[in-house]
Amino acid sequence: MTKSKILIVEDDAILAKVIYEELSEADFEVFQAYDGEEGLKMANEKHPDLILLDILLPKKNGFEVLEILKRTPETKMIPVTLLTMLGSDDEIKKGFELGAGDYIVKSQHALPEIIEKVRGYFSQESHPQGDQAVVGESDIPQPNIP
């Protein structure tokens, strides 16, 4: 059985390393990019099964990266989870409108919760896209994505 591939696009080197190590230990094949341009390049080269994408990135921000990923035939079907410090209603709404399947606000979730969420995603028979967002705010409206 082949390992599921995850691309982490995160400019915080320490956080990226910790997530990388945790996911590697959980038996995923993990790739890292530290800016938006590198993230797009790796997404096209590695064809990951999931992308964890920060929004505040050098070169191209996460919203730009997400928009490009979702309009490119080779990458449009790759699920993207936004993993960011930005948590306003407008930012969350924009993330879903651009095609994110999930939105996780880093400051509202401990690393083990984030790792468990990724594990849970891959343990499901079919990977839902946008069924529920983990934003830490129960009153934020969830999108209806079929």
N, C-alpha and C. Protein backbone atom coordinates (compact mmCIF):
# COMPACT_ATOMS: atom_id res chain seq x y z
N MET A 1 0.83 -1.18 0.00
CA MET A 1 0.00 0.00 0.00
C MET A 1 0.88 1.25 0.00
N THR A 2 0.57 2.19 -0.87
CA THR A 2 1.36 3.40 -0.93
C THR A 2 0.90 4.39 0.14
N LYS A 3 1.85 5.17 0.58
CA LYS A 3 1.54 6.19 1.58
C LYS A 3 0.78 7.35 0.94
N SER A 4 -0.13 7.92 1.69
CA SER A 4 -0.80 9.14 1.24
C SER A 4 0.20 10.28 1.30
N LYS A 5 0.14 11.15 0.29
CA LYS A 5 1.09 12.26 0.18
C LYS A 5 0.43 13.56 0.63
N ILE A 6 1.17 14.29 1.45
CA ILE A 6 0.69 15.58 1.95
C ILE A 6 1.75 16.63 1.66
N LEU A 7 1.30 17.75 1.12
CA LEU A 7 2.17 18.90 0.90
C LEU A 7 1.83 19.96 1.93
N ILE A 8 2.83 20.40 2.67
CA ILE A 8 2.68 21.49 3.64
C ILE A 8 3.28 22.74 3.01
N VAL A 9 2.47 23.79 2.88
CA VAL A 9 2.97 25.06 2.38
C VAL A 9 2.86 26.04 3.56
N GLU A 10 3.98 26.25 4.22
CA GLU A 10 4.03 27.00 5.49
C GLU A 10 5.37 27.70 5.57
N ASP A 11 5.37 29.03 5.79
CA ASP A 11 6.63 29.77 5.84
C ASP A 11 7.27 29.80 7.23
N ASP A 12 6.55 29.41 8.25
CA ASP A 12 7.11 29.32 9.60
C ASP A 12 7.89 28.00 9.68
N ALA A 13 9.22 28.10 9.60
CA ALA A 13 10.07 26.91 9.50
C ALA A 13 9.90 25.97 10.69
N ILE A 14 9.74 26.51 11.88
CA ILE A 14 9.60 25.66 13.06
C ILE A 14 8.28 24.90 13.03
N LEU A 15 7.19 25.61 12.76
CA LEU A 15 5.89 24.95 12.68
C LEU A 15 5.86 23.93 11.55
N ALA A 16 6.42 24.29 10.40
CA ALA A 16 6.46 23.37 9.27
C ALA A 16 7.22 22.10 9.63
N LYS A 17 8.34 22.26 10.34
CA LYS A 17 9.15 21.09 10.73
C LYS A 17 8.38 20.18 11.69
N VAL A 18 7.70 20.78 12.65
CA VAL A 18 6.95 19.99 13.62
C VAL A 18 5.81 19.24 12.93
N ILE A 19 5.06 19.92 12.07
CA ILE A 19 3.97 19.26 11.34
C ILE A 19 4.54 18.16 10.45
N TYR A 20 5.64 18.45 9.77
CA TYR A 20 6.31 17.47 8.92
C TYR A 20 6.66 16.20 9.71
N GLU A 21 7.29 16.40 10.85
CA GLU A 21 7.71 15.25 11.67
C GLU A 21 6.51 14.46 12.17
N GLU A 22 5.48 15.15 12.64
CA GLU A 22 4.29 14.47 13.16
C GLU A 22 3.59 13.66 12.07
N LEU A 23 3.45 14.25 10.90
CA LEU A 23 2.78 13.54 9.80
C LEU A 23 3.63 12.40 9.26
N SER A 24 4.94 12.60 9.24
CA SER A 24 5.84 11.52 8.81
C SER A 24 5.74 10.34 9.76
N GLU A 25 5.71 10.63 11.07
CA GLU A 25 5.58 9.57 12.07
C GLU A 25 4.23 8.87 11.96
N ALA A 26 3.22 9.58 11.45
CA ALA A 26 1.89 8.99 11.27
C ALA A 26 1.82 8.23 9.94
N ASP A 27 2.96 8.02 9.30
CA ASP A 27 3.11 7.20 8.10
C ASP A 27 2.56 7.86 6.83
N PHE A 28 2.68 9.18 6.75
CA PHE A 28 2.37 9.89 5.51
C PHE A 28 3.67 10.24 4.81
N GLU A 29 3.62 10.36 3.50
CA GLU A 29 4.75 10.90 2.75
C GLU A 29 4.52 12.41 2.69
N VAL A 30 5.47 13.17 3.24
CA VAL A 30 5.25 14.61 3.43
C VAL A 30 6.28 15.41 2.64
N PHE A 31 5.79 16.47 2.00
CA PHE A 31 6.64 17.41 1.28
C PHE A 31 6.42 18.79 1.88
N GLN A 32 7.43 19.65 1.78
CA GLN A 32 7.32 21.00 2.34
C GLN A 32 7.67 22.05 1.31
N ALA A 33 6.96 23.15 1.38
CA ALA A 33 7.28 24.34 0.60
C ALA A 33 7.17 25.52 1.56
N TYR A 34 8.03 26.52 1.38
CA TYR A 34 8.08 27.63 2.32
C TYR A 34 7.54 28.94 1.74
N ASP A 35 7.08 28.91 0.49
CA ASP A 35 6.44 30.10 -0.09
C ASP A 35 5.42 29.63 -1.13
N GLY A 36 4.58 30.55 -1.57
CA GLY A 36 3.50 30.20 -2.48
C GLY A 36 3.95 29.67 -3.82
N GLU A 37 4.99 30.27 -4.39
CA GLU A 37 5.48 29.81 -5.69
C GLU A 37 6.03 28.40 -5.60
N GLU A 38 6.81 28.13 -4.56
CA GLU A 38 7.36 26.79 -4.36
C GLU A 38 6.23 25.79 -4.11
N GLY A 39 5.20 26.21 -3.39
CA GLY A 39 4.05 25.34 -3.14
C GLY A 39 3.35 24.94 -4.42
N LEU A 40 3.15 25.89 -5.33
CA LEU A 40 2.52 25.57 -6.62
C LEU A 40 3.39 24.60 -7.42
N LYS A 41 4.68 24.85 -7.44
CA LYS A 41 5.59 23.98 -8.17
C LYS A 41 5.54 22.56 -7.62
N MET A 42 5.59 22.43 -6.31
CA MET A 42 5.57 21.09 -5.70
C MET A 42 4.23 20.39 -5.90
N ALA A 43 3.14 21.15 -5.86
CA ALA A 43 1.82 20.55 -6.09
C ALA A 43 1.77 19.92 -7.48
N ASN A 44 2.34 20.61 -8.47
CA ASN A 44 2.35 20.09 -9.83
C ASN A 44 3.31 18.92 -10.00
N GLU A 45 4.41 18.92 -9.26
CA GLU A 45 5.41 17.86 -9.38
C GLU A 45 5.05 16.61 -8.57
N LYS A 46 4.55 16.81 -7.36
CA LYS A 46 4.35 15.69 -6.43
C LYS A 46 2.94 15.12 -6.44
N HIS A 47 1.97 15.86 -6.95
CA HIS A 47 0.56 15.42 -6.97
C HIS A 47 0.12 14.87 -5.61
N PRO A 48 0.14 15.72 -4.57
CA PRO A 48 -0.22 15.24 -3.23
C PRO A 48 -1.70 14.88 -3.13
N ASP A 49 -2.03 14.11 -2.12
CA ASP A 49 -3.42 13.73 -1.84
C ASP A 49 -4.12 14.78 -1.00
N LEU A 50 -3.35 15.67 -0.37
CA LEU A 50 -3.88 16.75 0.44
C LEU A 50 -2.83 17.85 0.53
N ILE A 51 -3.29 19.10 0.52
CA ILE A 51 -2.38 20.24 0.71
C ILE A 51 -2.83 21.00 1.95
N LEU A 52 -1.89 21.21 2.88
CA LEU A 52 -2.11 22.08 4.03
C LEU A 52 -1.47 23.42 3.66
N LEU A 53 -2.29 24.45 3.52
CA LEU A 53 -1.85 25.71 2.94
C LEU A 53 -2.05 26.88 3.89
N ASP A 54 -0.95 27.54 4.23
CA ASP A 54 -1.03 28.78 5.00
C ASP A 54 -1.50 29.89 4.06
N ILE A 55 -2.03 30.96 4.60
CA ILE A 55 -2.46 32.09 3.76
C ILE A 55 -1.37 33.15 3.70
N LEU A 56 -0.76 33.46 4.84
CA LEU A 56 0.27 34.50 4.87
C LEU A 56 1.61 33.89 4.46
N LEU A 57 1.92 34.00 3.17
CA LEU A 57 3.12 33.40 2.60
C LEU A 57 3.87 34.42 1.76
N PRO A 58 5.21 34.25 1.67
CA PRO A 58 5.97 35.09 0.74
C PRO A 58 5.70 34.69 -0.72
N LYS A 59 6.00 35.59 -1.63
CA LYS A 59 5.92 35.43 -3.08
C LYS A 59 4.49 35.36 -3.60
N LYS A 60 3.70 34.40 -3.19
CA LYS A 60 2.27 34.32 -3.51
C LYS A 60 1.56 33.93 -2.23
N ASN A 61 0.52 34.69 -1.87
CA ASN A 61 -0.19 34.33 -0.64
C ASN A 61 -1.08 33.09 -0.88
N GLY A 62 -1.56 32.52 0.19
CA GLY A 62 -2.33 31.29 0.11
C GLY A 62 -3.59 31.41 -0.71
N PHE A 63 -4.26 32.56 -0.68
CA PHE A 63 -5.46 32.74 -1.50
C PHE A 63 -5.09 32.69 -2.99
N GLU A 64 -3.98 33.31 -3.36
CA GLU A 64 -3.53 33.27 -4.76
C GLU A 64 -3.19 31.84 -5.16
N VAL A 65 -2.48 31.14 -4.28
CA VAL A 65 -2.09 29.76 -4.55
C VAL A 65 -3.35 28.89 -4.72
N LEU A 66 -4.30 29.04 -3.82
CA LEU A 66 -5.53 28.25 -3.88
C LEU A 66 -6.28 28.51 -5.18
N GLU A 67 -6.38 29.77 -5.55
CA GLU A 67 -7.08 30.13 -6.80
C GLU A 67 -6.41 29.49 -8.01
N ILE A 68 -5.09 29.52 -8.06
CA ILE A 68 -4.35 28.91 -9.18
C ILE A 68 -4.52 27.40 -9.16
N LEU A 69 -4.40 26.78 -7.98
CA LEU A 69 -4.57 25.33 -7.87
C LEU A 69 -5.93 24.89 -8.41
N LYS A 70 -6.97 25.63 -8.05
CA LYS A 70 -8.33 25.21 -8.41
C LYS A 70 -8.71 25.52 -9.85
N ARG A 71 -7.95 26.36 -10.53
CA ARG A 71 -8.25 26.60 -11.94
C ARG A 71 -7.29 25.85 -12.88
N THR A 72 -6.34 25.12 -12.31
CA THR A 72 -5.39 24.35 -13.11
C THR A 72 -5.87 22.90 -13.19
N PRO A 73 -6.08 22.39 -14.41
CA PRO A 73 -6.63 21.03 -14.55
C PRO A 73 -5.87 19.95 -13.77
N GLU A 74 -4.54 20.04 -13.72
CA GLU A 74 -3.74 19.00 -13.05
C GLU A 74 -3.85 19.04 -11.54
N THR A 75 -4.27 20.16 -10.97
CA THR A 75 -4.30 20.28 -9.50
C THR A 75 -5.69 20.59 -8.94
N LYS A 76 -6.67 20.85 -9.78
CA LYS A 76 -7.96 21.32 -9.29
C LYS A 76 -8.68 20.33 -8.38
N MET A 77 -8.38 19.04 -8.50
CA MET A 77 -9.06 18.04 -7.67
C MET A 77 -8.31 17.73 -6.37
N ILE A 78 -7.15 18.32 -6.16
CA ILE A 78 -6.41 18.08 -4.92
C ILE A 78 -7.11 18.84 -3.79
N PRO A 79 -7.51 18.14 -2.73
CA PRO A 79 -8.13 18.83 -1.60
C PRO A 79 -7.13 19.75 -0.90
N VAL A 80 -7.61 20.92 -0.52
CA VAL A 80 -6.77 21.90 0.16
C VAL A 80 -7.42 22.28 1.49
N THR A 81 -6.65 22.18 2.55
CA THR A 81 -7.06 22.67 3.86
C THR A 81 -6.24 23.91 4.16
N LEU A 82 -6.93 25.02 4.38
CA LEU A 82 -6.23 26.24 4.78
C LEU A 82 -5.90 26.12 6.26
N LEU A 83 -4.64 26.30 6.59
CA LEU A 83 -4.13 26.21 7.96
C LEU A 83 -3.45 27.53 8.25
N THR A 84 -4.13 28.42 8.97
CA THR A 84 -3.70 29.80 9.03
C THR A 84 -4.02 30.46 10.36
N MET A 85 -3.44 31.62 10.58
CA MET A 85 -3.77 32.42 11.75
C MET A 85 -4.96 33.33 11.47
N LEU A 86 -5.31 33.52 10.22
CA LEU A 86 -6.41 34.40 9.84
C LEU A 86 -7.74 33.70 10.09
N GLY A 87 -8.62 34.34 10.84
CA GLY A 87 -9.86 33.67 11.20
C GLY A 87 -11.10 34.53 11.13
N SER A 88 -11.05 35.64 10.39
CA SER A 88 -12.26 36.46 10.30
C SER A 88 -13.28 35.78 9.39
N ASP A 89 -14.53 36.13 9.56
CA ASP A 89 -15.60 35.57 8.74
C ASP A 89 -15.31 35.77 7.25
N ASP A 90 -14.84 36.97 6.89
CA ASP A 90 -14.58 37.27 5.48
C ASP A 90 -13.46 36.39 4.92
N GLU A 91 -12.41 36.15 5.71
CA GLU A 91 -11.30 35.31 5.25
C GLU A 91 -11.75 33.87 5.10
N ILE A 92 -12.51 33.39 6.04
CA ILE A 92 -13.01 32.02 5.97
C ILE A 92 -13.92 31.86 4.76
N LYS A 93 -14.82 32.81 4.58
CA LYS A 93 -15.74 32.78 3.43
C LYS A 93 -14.94 32.78 2.12
N LYS A 94 -13.95 33.64 2.02
CA LYS A 94 -13.13 33.72 0.82
C LYS A 94 -12.42 32.39 0.56
N GLY A 95 -11.88 31.77 1.61
CA GLY A 95 -11.20 30.49 1.45
C GLY A 95 -12.11 29.43 0.86
N PHE A 96 -13.33 29.33 1.36
CA PHE A 96 -14.28 28.35 0.83
C PHE A 96 -14.72 28.70 -0.58
N GLU A 97 -14.93 29.99 -0.85
CA GLU A 97 -15.33 30.40 -2.19
C GLU A 97 -14.26 30.07 -3.23
N LEU A 98 -12.99 30.13 -2.81
CA LEU A 98 -11.90 29.81 -3.73
C LEU A 98 -11.67 28.30 -3.88
N GLY A 99 -12.34 27.50 -3.04
CA GLY A 99 -12.25 26.06 -3.21
C GLY A 99 -11.62 25.26 -2.10
N ALA A 100 -11.33 25.89 -0.96
CA ALA A 100 -10.78 25.13 0.16
C ALA A 100 -11.82 24.12 0.65
N GLY A 101 -11.35 22.95 1.04
CA GLY A 101 -12.23 21.94 1.58
C GLY A 101 -12.40 22.06 3.07
N ASP A 102 -11.45 22.74 3.72
CA ASP A 102 -11.49 22.91 5.16
C ASP A 102 -10.68 24.14 5.51
N TYR A 103 -10.92 24.67 6.72
CA TYR A 103 -10.25 25.89 7.17
C TYR A 103 -9.96 25.72 8.65
N ILE A 104 -8.69 25.71 9.01
CA ILE A 104 -8.28 25.52 10.39
C ILE A 104 -7.51 26.76 10.86
N VAL A 105 -7.98 27.37 11.93
CA VAL A 105 -7.28 28.51 12.52
C VAL A 105 -6.26 27.96 13.52
N LYS A 106 -4.99 28.17 13.23
CA LYS A 106 -3.90 27.58 14.02
C LYS A 106 -4.00 27.91 15.50
N SER A 107 -4.31 29.16 15.81
CA SER A 107 -4.29 29.59 17.21
C SER A 107 -5.42 28.97 18.03
N GLN A 108 -6.40 28.40 17.37
CA GLN A 108 -7.54 27.84 18.09
C GLN A 108 -7.48 26.32 18.21
N HIS A 109 -6.39 25.72 17.71
CA HIS A 109 -6.26 24.26 17.75
C HIS A 109 -4.83 23.86 18.06
N ALA A 110 -4.67 22.97 18.99
CA ALA A 110 -3.35 22.46 19.32
C ALA A 110 -2.87 21.56 18.18
N LEU A 111 -1.57 21.45 18.05
CA LEU A 111 -1.00 20.64 16.98
C LEU A 111 -1.55 19.21 16.95
N PRO A 112 -1.68 18.52 18.10
CA PRO A 112 -2.24 17.16 18.05
C PRO A 112 -3.65 17.12 17.43
N GLU A 113 -4.45 18.16 17.66
CA GLU A 113 -5.79 18.22 17.05
C GLU A 113 -5.69 18.34 15.53
N ILE A 114 -4.75 19.14 15.07
CA ILE A 114 -4.57 19.33 13.63
C ILE A 114 -4.12 18.02 12.99
N ILE A 115 -3.16 17.35 13.61
CA ILE A 115 -2.66 16.07 13.09
C ILE A 115 -3.79 15.04 13.08
N GLU A 116 -4.57 15.00 14.15
CA GLU A 116 -5.68 14.05 14.23
C GLU A 116 -6.72 14.34 13.14
N LYS A 117 -6.95 15.59 12.86
CA LYS A 117 -7.89 15.97 11.79
C LYS A 117 -7.40 15.44 10.44
N VAL A 118 -6.10 15.57 10.18
CA VAL A 118 -5.53 15.06 8.93
C VAL A 118 -5.65 13.54 8.89
N ARG A 119 -5.32 12.88 9.97
CA ARG A 119 -5.47 11.42 10.03
C ARG A 119 -6.91 11.01 9.77
N GLY A 120 -7.84 11.71 10.41
CA GLY A 120 -9.25 11.41 10.23
C GLY A 120 -9.69 11.58 8.79
N TYR A 121 -9.15 12.58 8.14
CA TYR A 121 -9.47 12.81 6.73
C TYR A 121 -9.13 11.58 5.91
N PHE A 122 -7.95 11.01 6.12
CA PHE A 122 -7.51 9.86 5.34
C PHE A 122 -8.12 8.54 5.81
N SER A 123 -8.71 8.51 6.99
CA SER A 123 -9.30 7.27 7.47
C SER A 123 -10.72 7.07 6.94
N GLN A 124 -11.31 8.12 6.39
CA GLN A 124 -12.65 8.01 5.83
C GLN A 124 -12.58 7.35 4.46
N GLU A 125 -13.63 6.59 4.12
CA GLU A 125 -13.64 5.90 2.83
C GLU A 125 -13.58 6.88 1.68
N SER A 126 -14.40 7.90 1.72
CA SER A 126 -14.32 8.94 0.70
C SER A 126 -13.95 10.23 1.42
N HIS A 127 -13.10 11.00 0.82
CA HIS A 127 -12.62 12.22 1.45
C HIS A 127 -13.60 13.35 1.19
N PRO A 128 -14.32 13.80 2.21
CA PRO A 128 -15.27 14.88 1.98
C PRO A 128 -14.55 16.19 1.68
N GLN A 129 -15.18 17.01 0.91
CA GLN A 129 -14.63 18.32 0.60
C GLN A 129 -15.56 19.36 1.19
N GLY A 130 -15.17 19.95 2.28
CA GLY A 130 -15.93 21.06 2.83
C GLY A 130 -17.14 20.67 3.65
N ASP A 131 -17.23 19.42 4.11
CA ASP A 131 -18.39 19.03 4.91
C ASP A 131 -18.44 19.81 6.21
N GLN A 132 -17.28 20.05 6.79
CA GLN A 132 -17.25 20.86 8.01
C GLN A 132 -15.91 21.55 8.13
N ALA A 133 -15.95 22.73 8.61
CA ALA A 133 -14.72 23.49 8.80
C ALA A 133 -14.37 23.49 10.28
N VAL A 134 -13.09 23.45 10.55
CA VAL A 134 -12.65 23.54 11.93
C VAL A 134 -12.07 24.93 12.09
N VAL A 135 -12.87 25.84 12.59
CA VAL A 135 -12.41 27.21 12.74
C VAL A 135 -12.45 27.66 14.19
N GLY A 136 -13.03 26.85 15.04
CA GLY A 136 -13.07 27.20 16.45
C GLY A 136 -14.23 28.09 16.82
N GLU A 137 -15.06 28.41 15.89
CA GLU A 137 -16.21 29.27 16.15
C GLU A 137 -17.45 28.55 15.63
N SER A 138 -18.31 28.11 16.53
CA SER A 138 -19.48 27.35 16.11
C SER A 138 -20.52 28.19 15.41
N ASP A 139 -20.43 29.51 15.51
CA ASP A 139 -21.46 30.34 14.90
C ASP A 139 -21.10 30.83 13.51
N ILE A 140 -19.97 30.40 12.96
CA ILE A 140 -19.60 30.81 11.61
C ILE A 140 -20.35 29.92 10.64
N PRO A 141 -21.08 30.49 9.69
CA PRO A 141 -21.86 29.68 8.75
C PRO A 141 -20.95 28.80 7.90
N GLN A 142 -21.39 27.58 7.66
CA GLN A 142 -20.65 26.63 6.86
C GLN A 142 -21.19 26.64 5.44
N PRO A 143 -20.31 26.48 4.45
CA PRO A 143 -20.77 26.50 3.07
C PRO A 143 -21.48 25.20 2.72
N ASN A 144 -22.34 25.27 1.73
CA ASN A 144 -22.99 24.08 1.19
C ASN A 144 -22.24 23.68 -0.05
N ILE A 145 -21.31 22.77 0.08
CA ILE A 145 -20.53 22.30 -1.06
C ILE A 145 -20.93 20.86 -1.33
N PRO A 146 -21.49 20.60 -2.51
CA PRO A 146 -21.94 19.22 -2.81
C PRO A 146 -20.79 18.26 -2.93
